[in-house]
Amino acid sequence: MQRYSLASLVKIGLCALLALGTVVQIKAEDAKVNAVGAWTWTGPGRNGNPGRPQTIKLKMEADKLVGTISGGGRGRAAADGAAAAAPRETKLEDVKLAGDQLTFKVTRAGRNGGNPMVQKFTGKVSGDTIKGKIEVEVEGQDPRTTEWEAKRDTEKKEAAATDAK
């Protein structure tokens, strides 16, 4: 039977740790969360009525995640009978993805020149789902919190993947 010196055992142990560290690093890179795409959900409506669909669109610009939110508008027709205007898009602020935790905020003008409304979104990205909370702040009112769960628009995701090829 062959005997190993203490120095040989230490070298073998260090090589094993190095190999394990490389495998863990590769697995961590494979599991990196991808939040890019269009995500849609329906917020709660007033007085038990159905809510309106909302969509966030996230993309990478250089090494920064940016995006817009649209929807939630009232969908009213114009006074002259024309069709309802398309929902306006609002730029997302302070978009951050740390691990699987997505955060951003949206500031919208108040009604009739009133106080602006700030929505702070937090959510956990898991595959094609983001689930989290929205904290709504309007100056002079207590903050309200509601839950949201968005699904990735997989048709757009597949089309984007096809376009990239």
N, C-alpha and C. Protein backbone atom coordinates (compact mmCIF):
# COMPACT_ATOMS: atom_id res chain seq x y z
N MET A 1 0.83 -1.17 0.00
CA MET A 1 0.00 0.00 0.00
C MET A 1 0.88 1.23 0.00
N GLN A 2 0.48 2.21 -0.84
CA GLN A 2 1.27 3.41 -0.99
C GLN A 2 0.88 4.41 0.10
N ARG A 3 1.89 5.04 0.66
CA ARG A 3 1.66 6.05 1.69
C ARG A 3 1.85 7.42 1.09
N TYR A 4 0.96 8.33 1.50
CA TYR A 4 1.05 9.70 1.03
C TYR A 4 1.57 10.58 2.15
N SER A 5 2.42 11.51 1.78
CA SER A 5 2.91 12.46 2.79
C SER A 5 1.83 13.50 3.03
N LEU A 6 1.97 14.21 4.10
CA LEU A 6 1.02 15.27 4.45
C LEU A 6 0.98 16.32 3.34
N ALA A 7 2.12 16.65 2.77
CA ALA A 7 2.17 17.65 1.69
C ALA A 7 1.40 17.15 0.47
N SER A 8 1.50 15.89 0.15
CA SER A 8 0.76 15.33 -0.99
C SER A 8 -0.73 15.37 -0.75
N LEU A 9 -1.16 15.05 0.46
CA LEU A 9 -2.58 15.10 0.79
C LEU A 9 -3.13 16.53 0.72
N VAL A 10 -2.34 17.49 1.16
CA VAL A 10 -2.75 18.89 1.09
C VAL A 10 -2.90 19.31 -0.37
N LYS A 11 -1.95 18.91 -1.23
CA LYS A 11 -2.03 19.25 -2.65
C LYS A 11 -3.26 18.63 -3.31
N ILE A 12 -3.54 17.38 -2.99
CA ILE A 12 -4.72 16.70 -3.53
C ILE A 12 -6.00 17.41 -3.08
N GLY A 13 -6.04 17.77 -1.81
CA GLY A 13 -7.21 18.47 -1.26
C GLY A 13 -7.41 19.82 -1.92
N LEU A 14 -6.33 20.58 -2.13
CA LEU A 14 -6.44 21.88 -2.77
C LEU A 14 -6.91 21.76 -4.22
N CYS A 15 -6.41 20.75 -4.93
CA CYS A 15 -6.85 20.53 -6.31
C CYS A 15 -8.34 20.19 -6.35
N ALA A 16 -8.81 19.38 -5.41
CA ALA A 16 -10.22 19.01 -5.35
C ALA A 16 -11.08 20.24 -5.08
N LEU A 17 -10.63 21.10 -4.16
CA LEU A 17 -11.38 22.33 -3.87
C LEU A 17 -11.41 23.27 -5.07
N LEU A 18 -10.32 23.37 -5.77
CA LEU A 18 -10.26 24.21 -6.97
C LEU A 18 -11.23 23.70 -8.04
N ALA A 19 -11.24 22.40 -8.24
CA ALA A 19 -12.15 21.81 -9.23
C ALA A 19 -13.61 22.03 -8.81
N LEU A 20 -13.92 21.85 -7.55
CA LEU A 20 -15.27 22.07 -7.04
C LEU A 20 -15.69 23.53 -7.21
N GLY A 21 -14.78 24.44 -6.92
CA GLY A 21 -15.07 25.87 -7.09
C GLY A 21 -15.38 26.22 -8.54
N THR A 22 -14.66 25.62 -9.47
CA THR A 22 -14.91 25.86 -10.90
C THR A 22 -16.28 25.36 -11.29
N VAL A 23 -16.66 24.18 -10.84
CA VAL A 23 -17.98 23.62 -11.15
C VAL A 23 -19.09 24.50 -10.57
N VAL A 24 -18.93 24.95 -9.34
CA VAL A 24 -19.93 25.82 -8.72
C VAL A 24 -20.06 27.13 -9.49
N GLN A 25 -18.95 27.71 -9.93
CA GLN A 25 -18.97 28.95 -10.70
C GLN A 25 -19.71 28.76 -12.02
N ILE A 26 -19.46 27.66 -12.70
CA ILE A 26 -20.14 27.38 -13.98
C ILE A 26 -21.63 27.21 -13.74
N LYS A 27 -22.03 26.50 -12.70
CA LYS A 27 -23.45 26.32 -12.39
C LYS A 27 -24.10 27.66 -12.06
N ALA A 28 -23.42 28.53 -11.32
CA ALA A 28 -23.96 29.84 -10.97
C ALA A 28 -24.19 30.68 -12.22
N GLU A 29 -23.27 30.63 -13.18
CA GLU A 29 -23.45 31.38 -14.41
C GLU A 29 -24.61 30.83 -15.23
N ASP A 30 -24.79 29.50 -15.23
CA ASP A 30 -25.90 28.89 -15.95
C ASP A 30 -27.25 29.29 -15.36
N ALA A 31 -27.29 29.50 -14.04
CA ALA A 31 -28.54 29.81 -13.36
C ALA A 31 -28.85 31.30 -13.32
N LYS A 32 -28.07 32.12 -14.02
CA LYS A 32 -28.27 33.56 -14.01
C LYS A 32 -29.68 33.91 -14.48
N VAL A 33 -30.34 34.78 -13.76
CA VAL A 33 -31.72 35.15 -14.04
C VAL A 33 -31.77 36.10 -15.23
N ASN A 34 -32.73 35.88 -16.12
CA ASN A 34 -32.94 36.74 -17.27
C ASN A 34 -34.30 37.42 -17.14
N ALA A 35 -34.30 38.72 -16.93
CA ALA A 35 -35.55 39.47 -16.78
C ALA A 35 -35.95 40.19 -18.07
N VAL A 36 -35.13 40.09 -19.11
CA VAL A 36 -35.41 40.79 -20.36
C VAL A 36 -36.67 40.20 -21.00
N GLY A 37 -37.54 41.09 -21.49
CA GLY A 37 -38.74 40.64 -22.18
C GLY A 37 -39.94 41.48 -21.80
N ALA A 38 -41.10 41.06 -22.29
CA ALA A 38 -42.37 41.71 -21.97
C ALA A 38 -43.09 40.87 -20.92
N TRP A 39 -43.56 41.52 -19.87
CA TRP A 39 -44.21 40.86 -18.74
C TRP A 39 -45.59 41.49 -18.55
N THR A 40 -46.62 40.68 -18.44
CA THR A 40 -47.99 41.20 -18.35
C THR A 40 -48.69 40.65 -17.11
N TRP A 41 -49.51 41.49 -16.49
CA TRP A 41 -50.35 41.08 -15.37
C TRP A 41 -51.59 41.98 -15.35
N THR A 42 -52.59 41.56 -14.60
CA THR A 42 -53.80 42.36 -14.44
C THR A 42 -53.89 42.76 -12.98
N GLY A 43 -53.89 44.06 -12.76
CA GLY A 43 -54.00 44.57 -11.40
C GLY A 43 -55.44 44.47 -10.93
N PRO A 44 -55.66 44.61 -9.63
CA PRO A 44 -57.02 44.53 -9.12
C PRO A 44 -57.84 45.74 -9.57
N GLY A 45 -59.12 45.51 -9.86
CA GLY A 45 -60.02 46.60 -10.25
C GLY A 45 -60.71 47.20 -9.03
N ARG A 46 -61.38 48.29 -9.26
CA ARG A 46 -62.12 48.94 -8.17
C ARG A 46 -63.49 48.29 -8.00
N ASN A 47 -63.95 48.28 -6.77
CA ASN A 47 -65.30 47.81 -6.44
C ASN A 47 -65.60 46.42 -7.00
N GLY A 48 -64.61 45.54 -7.00
CA GLY A 48 -64.82 44.18 -7.47
C GLY A 48 -64.82 44.02 -8.98
N ASN A 49 -64.62 45.11 -9.71
CA ASN A 49 -64.56 45.04 -11.16
C ASN A 49 -63.23 44.44 -11.60
N PRO A 50 -63.20 43.87 -12.82
CA PRO A 50 -61.92 43.34 -13.30
C PRO A 50 -60.91 44.46 -13.50
N GLY A 51 -59.66 44.14 -13.26
CA GLY A 51 -58.60 45.13 -13.45
C GLY A 51 -58.20 45.25 -14.91
N ARG A 52 -57.29 46.15 -15.16
CA ARG A 52 -56.80 46.37 -16.52
C ARG A 52 -55.42 45.75 -16.67
N PRO A 53 -55.16 45.13 -17.83
CA PRO A 53 -53.85 44.54 -18.03
C PRO A 53 -52.76 45.62 -18.09
N GLN A 54 -51.60 45.29 -17.55
CA GLN A 54 -50.44 46.17 -17.60
C GLN A 54 -49.26 45.35 -18.10
N THR A 55 -48.34 46.03 -18.78
CA THR A 55 -47.17 45.36 -19.34
C THR A 55 -45.92 46.16 -19.02
N ILE A 56 -44.89 45.45 -18.55
CA ILE A 56 -43.57 46.07 -18.46
C ILE A 56 -42.70 45.43 -19.53
N LYS A 57 -41.88 46.24 -20.14
CA LYS A 57 -40.94 45.76 -21.14
C LYS A 57 -39.55 46.09 -20.63
N LEU A 58 -38.74 45.05 -20.45
CA LEU A 58 -37.38 45.21 -19.95
C LEU A 58 -36.39 44.83 -21.03
N LYS A 59 -35.31 45.61 -21.14
CA LYS A 59 -34.25 45.29 -22.10
C LYS A 59 -32.92 45.77 -21.53
N MET A 60 -31.86 45.25 -22.13
CA MET A 60 -30.52 45.65 -21.73
C MET A 60 -30.04 46.75 -22.67
N GLU A 61 -29.51 47.81 -22.11
CA GLU A 61 -28.82 48.86 -22.86
C GLU A 61 -27.42 48.93 -22.29
N ALA A 62 -26.46 48.55 -23.10
CA ALA A 62 -25.08 48.37 -22.65
C ALA A 62 -25.12 47.31 -21.54
N ASP A 63 -24.77 47.65 -20.32
CA ASP A 63 -24.82 46.68 -19.23
C ASP A 63 -25.88 47.04 -18.21
N LYS A 64 -26.87 47.85 -18.63
CA LYS A 64 -27.88 48.35 -17.71
C LYS A 64 -29.27 47.87 -18.13
N LEU A 65 -30.07 47.44 -17.16
CA LEU A 65 -31.45 47.02 -17.40
C LEU A 65 -32.34 48.27 -17.38
N VAL A 66 -33.14 48.46 -18.43
CA VAL A 66 -34.04 49.60 -18.55
C VAL A 66 -35.40 49.09 -19.02
N GLY A 67 -36.42 49.96 -18.94
CA GLY A 67 -37.72 49.51 -19.42
C GLY A 67 -38.80 50.55 -19.33
N THR A 68 -39.99 50.11 -19.73
CA THR A 68 -41.19 50.95 -19.70
C THR A 68 -42.35 50.14 -19.15
N ILE A 69 -43.38 50.85 -18.70
CA ILE A 69 -44.62 50.23 -18.27
C ILE A 69 -45.75 50.87 -19.06
N SER A 70 -46.73 50.08 -19.46
CA SER A 70 -47.89 50.61 -20.15
C SER A 70 -49.13 49.88 -19.67
N GLY A 71 -50.27 50.49 -19.91
CA GLY A 71 -51.53 49.89 -19.50
C GLY A 71 -52.07 50.56 -18.26
N GLY A 72 -53.18 50.03 -17.82
CA GLY A 72 -53.81 50.58 -16.62
C GLY A 72 -54.61 51.83 -16.91
N GLY A 73 -54.59 52.32 -18.17
CA GLY A 73 -55.36 53.50 -18.53
C GLY A 73 -56.85 53.20 -18.54
N ARG A 74 -57.63 54.22 -18.58
CA ARG A 74 -59.07 54.05 -18.49
C ARG A 74 -59.71 53.59 -19.80
N GLY A 75 -59.01 53.72 -20.92
CA GLY A 75 -59.53 53.23 -22.18
C GLY A 75 -60.77 53.97 -22.65
N ARG A 76 -60.95 55.22 -22.24
CA ARG A 76 -62.13 55.98 -22.64
C ARG A 76 -62.00 56.45 -24.08
N ALA A 77 -63.11 56.49 -24.76
CA ALA A 77 -63.12 57.00 -26.13
C ALA A 77 -63.03 58.52 -26.09
N ALA A 78 -62.49 59.09 -27.14
CA ALA A 78 -62.40 60.54 -27.25
C ALA A 78 -63.80 61.13 -27.37
N ALA A 79 -63.94 62.41 -27.06
CA ALA A 79 -65.24 63.08 -27.08
C ALA A 79 -65.87 63.04 -28.47
N ASP A 80 -65.05 63.00 -29.53
CA ASP A 80 -65.60 62.98 -30.88
C ASP A 80 -65.98 61.57 -31.34
N GLY A 81 -65.96 60.61 -30.42
CA GLY A 81 -66.36 59.25 -30.76
C GLY A 81 -65.23 58.39 -31.29
N ALA A 82 -64.03 58.94 -31.37
CA ALA A 82 -62.89 58.16 -31.86
C ALA A 82 -62.56 57.06 -30.86
N ALA A 83 -61.84 56.07 -31.33
CA ALA A 83 -61.45 54.95 -30.47
C ALA A 83 -60.59 55.44 -29.31
N ALA A 84 -60.57 54.63 -28.26
CA ALA A 84 -59.77 54.97 -27.09
C ALA A 84 -58.29 55.04 -27.47
N ALA A 85 -57.59 55.95 -26.84
CA ALA A 85 -56.16 56.10 -27.10
C ALA A 85 -55.41 54.89 -26.56
N ALA A 86 -54.31 54.57 -27.20
CA ALA A 86 -53.47 53.47 -26.72
C ALA A 86 -52.90 53.86 -25.36
N PRO A 87 -52.71 52.87 -24.49
CA PRO A 87 -52.14 53.19 -23.18
C PRO A 87 -50.77 53.84 -23.33
N ARG A 88 -50.51 54.84 -22.52
CA ARG A 88 -49.22 55.52 -22.63
C ARG A 88 -48.15 54.70 -21.92
N GLU A 89 -46.93 54.85 -22.43
CA GLU A 89 -45.80 54.18 -21.81
C GLU A 89 -45.10 55.15 -20.89
N THR A 90 -44.69 54.65 -19.75
CA THR A 90 -43.96 55.45 -18.77
C THR A 90 -42.63 54.76 -18.51
N LYS A 91 -41.58 55.54 -18.48
CA LYS A 91 -40.23 55.01 -18.25
C LYS A 91 -40.08 54.50 -16.82
N LEU A 92 -39.44 53.33 -16.68
CA LEU A 92 -39.13 52.79 -15.36
C LEU A 92 -37.90 53.50 -14.81
N GLU A 93 -37.88 53.73 -13.51
CA GLU A 93 -36.76 54.39 -12.85
C GLU A 93 -36.05 53.40 -11.92
N ASP A 94 -34.74 53.60 -11.77
CA ASP A 94 -33.94 52.82 -10.81
C ASP A 94 -34.14 51.31 -10.95
N VAL A 95 -34.10 50.81 -12.19
CA VAL A 95 -34.28 49.37 -12.43
C VAL A 95 -33.04 48.63 -11.96
N LYS A 96 -33.24 47.62 -11.11
CA LYS A 96 -32.12 46.83 -10.60
C LYS A 96 -32.53 45.36 -10.55
N LEU A 97 -31.58 44.50 -10.91
CA LEU A 97 -31.75 43.06 -10.78
C LEU A 97 -30.55 42.55 -10.00
N ALA A 98 -30.80 42.12 -8.76
CA ALA A 98 -29.75 41.58 -7.90
C ALA A 98 -30.10 40.12 -7.62
N GLY A 99 -29.37 39.22 -8.27
CA GLY A 99 -29.74 37.80 -8.17
C GLY A 99 -31.06 37.61 -8.87
N ASP A 100 -32.08 37.17 -8.12
CA ASP A 100 -33.41 37.01 -8.71
C ASP A 100 -34.38 38.10 -8.25
N GLN A 101 -33.87 39.13 -7.56
CA GLN A 101 -34.71 40.20 -7.03
C GLN A 101 -34.72 41.41 -7.96
N LEU A 102 -35.89 41.72 -8.50
CA LEU A 102 -36.07 42.85 -9.41
C LEU A 102 -36.73 43.99 -8.65
N THR A 103 -36.20 45.21 -8.80
CA THR A 103 -36.82 46.39 -8.21
C THR A 103 -36.80 47.52 -9.23
N PHE A 104 -37.84 48.34 -9.19
CA PHE A 104 -37.90 49.55 -10.00
C PHE A 104 -39.02 50.42 -9.46
N LYS A 105 -39.07 51.66 -9.93
CA LYS A 105 -40.18 52.51 -9.52
C LYS A 105 -40.72 53.27 -10.73
N VAL A 106 -41.95 53.73 -10.58
CA VAL A 106 -42.64 54.46 -11.63
C VAL A 106 -43.25 55.69 -10.99
N THR A 107 -43.01 56.87 -11.59
CA THR A 107 -43.62 58.11 -11.11
C THR A 107 -44.58 58.60 -12.17
N ARG A 108 -45.82 58.80 -11.78
CA ARG A 108 -46.84 59.28 -12.71
C ARG A 108 -47.44 60.58 -12.19
N ALA A 109 -47.79 61.45 -13.13
CA ALA A 109 -48.39 62.74 -12.77
C ALA A 109 -49.72 62.50 -12.07
N GLY A 110 -50.03 63.39 -11.14
CA GLY A 110 -51.30 63.29 -10.44
C GLY A 110 -52.46 63.72 -11.34
N ARG A 111 -53.66 63.32 -10.96
CA ARG A 111 -54.85 63.70 -11.72
C ARG A 111 -55.08 65.19 -11.62
N ASN A 112 -55.40 65.79 -12.75
CA ASN A 112 -55.73 67.22 -12.81
C ASN A 112 -54.68 68.09 -12.12
N GLY A 113 -53.41 67.73 -12.30
CA GLY A 113 -52.33 68.52 -11.72
C GLY A 113 -52.09 68.26 -10.25
N GLY A 114 -52.70 67.21 -9.72
CA GLY A 114 -52.53 66.89 -8.30
C GLY A 114 -51.17 66.28 -8.00
N ASN A 115 -51.03 65.78 -6.80
CA ASN A 115 -49.77 65.19 -6.37
C ASN A 115 -49.41 63.98 -7.21
N PRO A 116 -48.12 63.85 -7.57
CA PRO A 116 -47.70 62.67 -8.34
C PRO A 116 -47.83 61.39 -7.52
N MET A 117 -47.97 60.27 -8.22
CA MET A 117 -48.06 58.97 -7.60
C MET A 117 -46.77 58.22 -7.90
N VAL A 118 -46.18 57.62 -6.88
CA VAL A 118 -44.96 56.83 -7.03
C VAL A 118 -45.29 55.39 -6.68
N GLN A 119 -44.99 54.47 -7.62
CA GLN A 119 -45.18 53.05 -7.39
C GLN A 119 -43.80 52.42 -7.29
N LYS A 120 -43.55 51.72 -6.19
CA LYS A 120 -42.29 51.01 -5.99
C LYS A 120 -42.56 49.51 -6.12
N PHE A 121 -41.97 48.92 -7.16
CA PHE A 121 -42.16 47.50 -7.45
C PHE A 121 -40.99 46.69 -6.90
N THR A 122 -41.29 45.57 -6.27
CA THR A 122 -40.29 44.58 -5.90
C THR A 122 -40.83 43.23 -6.36
N GLY A 123 -39.95 42.36 -6.79
CA GLY A 123 -40.42 41.06 -7.22
C GLY A 123 -39.29 40.07 -7.38
N LYS A 124 -39.65 38.81 -7.27
CA LYS A 124 -38.71 37.71 -7.46
C LYS A 124 -38.95 37.11 -8.83
N VAL A 125 -37.90 37.07 -9.66
CA VAL A 125 -37.99 36.49 -11.00
C VAL A 125 -37.69 35.00 -10.89
N SER A 126 -38.62 34.20 -11.39
CA SER A 126 -38.46 32.75 -11.37
C SER A 126 -38.97 32.21 -12.70
N GLY A 127 -38.04 31.90 -13.60
CA GLY A 127 -38.43 31.43 -14.93
C GLY A 127 -39.18 32.50 -15.69
N ASP A 128 -40.44 32.22 -16.03
CA ASP A 128 -41.27 33.17 -16.77
C ASP A 128 -42.30 33.85 -15.89
N THR A 129 -41.99 33.99 -14.58
CA THR A 129 -42.90 34.63 -13.63
C THR A 129 -42.13 35.62 -12.75
N ILE A 130 -42.76 36.76 -12.50
CA ILE A 130 -42.27 37.69 -11.47
C ILE A 130 -43.40 37.84 -10.47
N LYS A 131 -43.09 37.64 -9.20
CA LYS A 131 -44.10 37.74 -8.16
C LYS A 131 -43.56 38.64 -7.06
N GLY A 132 -44.37 39.63 -6.67
CA GLY A 132 -43.90 40.54 -5.63
C GLY A 132 -44.95 41.49 -5.14
N LYS A 133 -44.49 42.69 -4.75
CA LYS A 133 -45.38 43.70 -4.17
C LYS A 133 -45.16 45.04 -4.85
N ILE A 134 -46.24 45.84 -4.84
CA ILE A 134 -46.19 47.21 -5.33
C ILE A 134 -46.60 48.10 -4.16
N GLU A 135 -45.75 49.06 -3.82
CA GLU A 135 -46.09 50.04 -2.79
C GLU A 135 -46.41 51.34 -3.51
N VAL A 136 -47.62 51.85 -3.29
CA VAL A 136 -48.08 53.07 -3.95
C VAL A 136 -48.06 54.21 -2.94
N GLU A 137 -47.34 55.28 -3.32
CA GLU A 137 -47.24 56.46 -2.45
C GLU A 137 -47.80 57.68 -3.17
N VAL A 138 -48.72 58.37 -2.52
CA VAL A 138 -49.23 59.65 -2.99
C VAL A 138 -49.07 60.61 -1.83
N GLU A 139 -48.45 61.75 -2.08
CA GLU A 139 -48.21 62.72 -1.02
C GLU A 139 -49.51 63.04 -0.30
N GLY A 140 -49.46 63.03 1.02
CA GLY A 140 -50.63 63.34 1.83
C GLY A 140 -51.50 62.13 2.13
N GLN A 141 -51.13 60.95 1.64
CA GLN A 141 -51.90 59.73 1.89
C GLN A 141 -50.98 58.65 2.45
N ASP A 142 -51.58 57.71 3.16
CA ASP A 142 -50.81 56.56 3.64
C ASP A 142 -50.46 55.66 2.46
N PRO A 143 -49.24 55.10 2.45
CA PRO A 143 -48.86 54.19 1.36
C PRO A 143 -49.78 52.96 1.35
N ARG A 144 -50.07 52.47 0.16
CA ARG A 144 -50.85 51.24 -0.02
C ARG A 144 -49.94 50.20 -0.65
N THR A 145 -50.14 48.95 -0.26
CA THR A 145 -49.36 47.86 -0.83
C THR A 145 -50.29 46.84 -1.44
N THR A 146 -49.93 46.37 -2.61
CA THR A 146 -50.70 45.33 -3.28
C THR A 146 -49.72 44.33 -3.88
N GLU A 147 -50.20 43.13 -4.14
CA GLU A 147 -49.35 42.10 -4.74
C GLU A 147 -49.52 42.12 -6.25
N TRP A 148 -48.47 41.67 -6.94
CA TRP A 148 -48.53 41.53 -8.39
C TRP A 148 -47.82 40.26 -8.80
N GLU A 149 -48.31 39.66 -9.88
CA GLU A 149 -47.67 38.48 -10.45
C GLU A 149 -47.75 38.60 -11.97
N ALA A 150 -46.61 38.79 -12.58
CA ALA A 150 -46.54 38.98 -14.03
C ALA A 150 -46.01 37.71 -14.69
N LYS A 151 -46.51 37.49 -15.90
CA LYS A 151 -46.05 36.36 -16.71
C LYS A 151 -45.33 36.91 -17.94
N ARG A 152 -44.22 36.26 -18.30
CA ARG A 152 -43.48 36.67 -19.48
C ARG A 152 -44.31 36.34 -20.72
N ASP A 153 -44.33 37.26 -21.66
CA ASP A 153 -45.00 37.02 -22.93
C ASP A 153 -44.08 36.12 -23.74
N THR A 154 -44.32 34.81 -23.69
CA THR A 154 -43.41 33.84 -24.30
C THR A 154 -43.41 33.92 -25.82
N GLU A 155 -44.51 34.39 -26.43
CA GLU A 155 -44.51 34.55 -27.89
C GLU A 155 -43.49 35.58 -28.30
N LYS A 156 -43.44 36.70 -27.57
CA LYS A 156 -42.46 37.74 -27.87
C LYS A 156 -41.05 37.25 -27.56
N LYS A 157 -40.92 36.46 -26.50
CA LYS A 157 -39.61 35.91 -26.12
C LYS A 157 -39.09 35.01 -27.23
N GLU A 158 -39.98 34.12 -27.74
CA GLU A 158 -39.57 33.23 -28.81
C GLU A 158 -39.25 33.98 -30.09
N ALA A 159 -40.02 35.04 -30.39
CA ALA A 159 -39.77 35.84 -31.59
C ALA A 159 -38.43 36.56 -31.48
N ALA A 160 -38.12 37.08 -30.30
CA ALA A 160 -36.85 37.77 -30.08
C ALA A 160 -35.68 36.79 -30.22
N ALA A 161 -35.87 35.57 -29.72
CA ALA A 161 -34.81 34.56 -29.84
C ALA A 161 -34.59 34.19 -31.30
N THR A 162 -35.68 34.10 -32.06
CA THR A 162 -35.58 33.78 -33.48
C THR A 162 -34.89 34.93 -34.23
N ASP A 163 -35.26 36.18 -33.91
CA ASP A 163 -34.65 37.35 -34.56
C ASP A 163 -33.17 37.44 -34.27
N ALA A 164 -32.74 36.98 -33.08
CA ALA A 164 -31.34 37.07 -32.68
C ALA A 164 -30.46 36.08 -33.43
N LYS A 165 -31.07 35.04 -34.01
CA LYS A 165 -30.29 34.00 -34.71
C LYS A 165 -29.85 34.44 -36.08
